[in-house]
């Protein structure tokens, strides 16, 4: 359970970071 929980958090962090980068990238355009 702990491993899968931390794995979900890791994936969520990557998605949030990529989304933030995409938003800032679109704003630059």
C-alpha atoms as a PDB file:
ATOM      1  CA  UNK A   1       0.000   0.000   0.000  1.00  0.00           C
ATOM      2  CA  UNK A   2       2.749   2.463   0.961  1.00  0.00           C
ATOM      3  CA  UNK A   3       4.673   1.825  -2.265  1.00  0.00           C
ATOM      4  CA  UNK A   4       1.618   2.334  -4.488  1.00  0.00           C
ATOM      5  CA  UNK A   5       0.603   5.403  -2.456  1.00  0.00           C
ATOM      6  CA  UNK A   6       3.990   7.073  -2.892  1.00  0.00           C
ATOM      7  CA  UNK A   7       3.957   6.017  -6.560  1.00  0.00           C
ATOM      8  CA  UNK A   8       0.611   7.802  -7.061  1.00  0.00           C
ATOM      9  CA  UNK A   9       1.994  10.930  -5.383  1.00  0.00           C
ATOM     10  CA  UNK A  10       5.053  10.819  -7.642  1.00  0.00           C
ATOM     11  CA  UNK A  11       2.911  10.518 -10.791  1.00  0.00           C
ATOM     12  CA  UNK A  12       0.581  13.292  -9.583  1.00  0.00           C
ATOM     13  CA  UNK A  13       3.562  15.589  -8.964  1.00  0.00           C
ATOM     14  CA  UNK A  14       4.923  14.949 -12.462  1.00  0.00           C
ATOM     15  CA  UNK A  15       1.505  15.669 -14.011  1.00  0.00           C
ATOM     16  CA  UNK A  16       1.080  18.894 -12.006  1.00  0.00           C
ATOM     17  CA  UNK A  17       4.579  20.095 -12.931  1.00  0.00           C
ATOM     18  CA  UNK A  18       4.061  19.323 -16.623  1.00  0.00           C
ATOM     19  CA  UNK A  19       0.687  21.087 -16.557  1.00  0.00           C
ATOM     20  CA  UNK A  20       2.230  24.161 -14.913  1.00  0.00           C
ATOM     21  CA  UNK A  21       4.992  24.250 -17.537  1.00  0.00           C
ATOM     22  CA  UNK A  22       2.424  23.894 -20.333  1.00  0.00           C
ATOM     23  CA  UNK A  23       0.307  26.742 -18.940  1.00  0.00           C
ATOM     24  CA  UNK A  24       3.307  29.074 -18.606  1.00  0.00           C
ATOM     25  CA  UNK A  25       4.472  28.044 -22.095  1.00  0.00           C
ATOM     26  CA  UNK A  26       1.075  28.878 -23.626  1.00  0.00           C
ATOM     27  CA  UNK A  27       1.029  32.210 -21.776  1.00  0.00           C
ATOM     28  CA  UNK A  28       4.389  33.106 -23.352  1.00  0.00           C
ATOM     29  CA  UNK A  29       2.751  32.696 -26.781  1.00  0.00           C
END
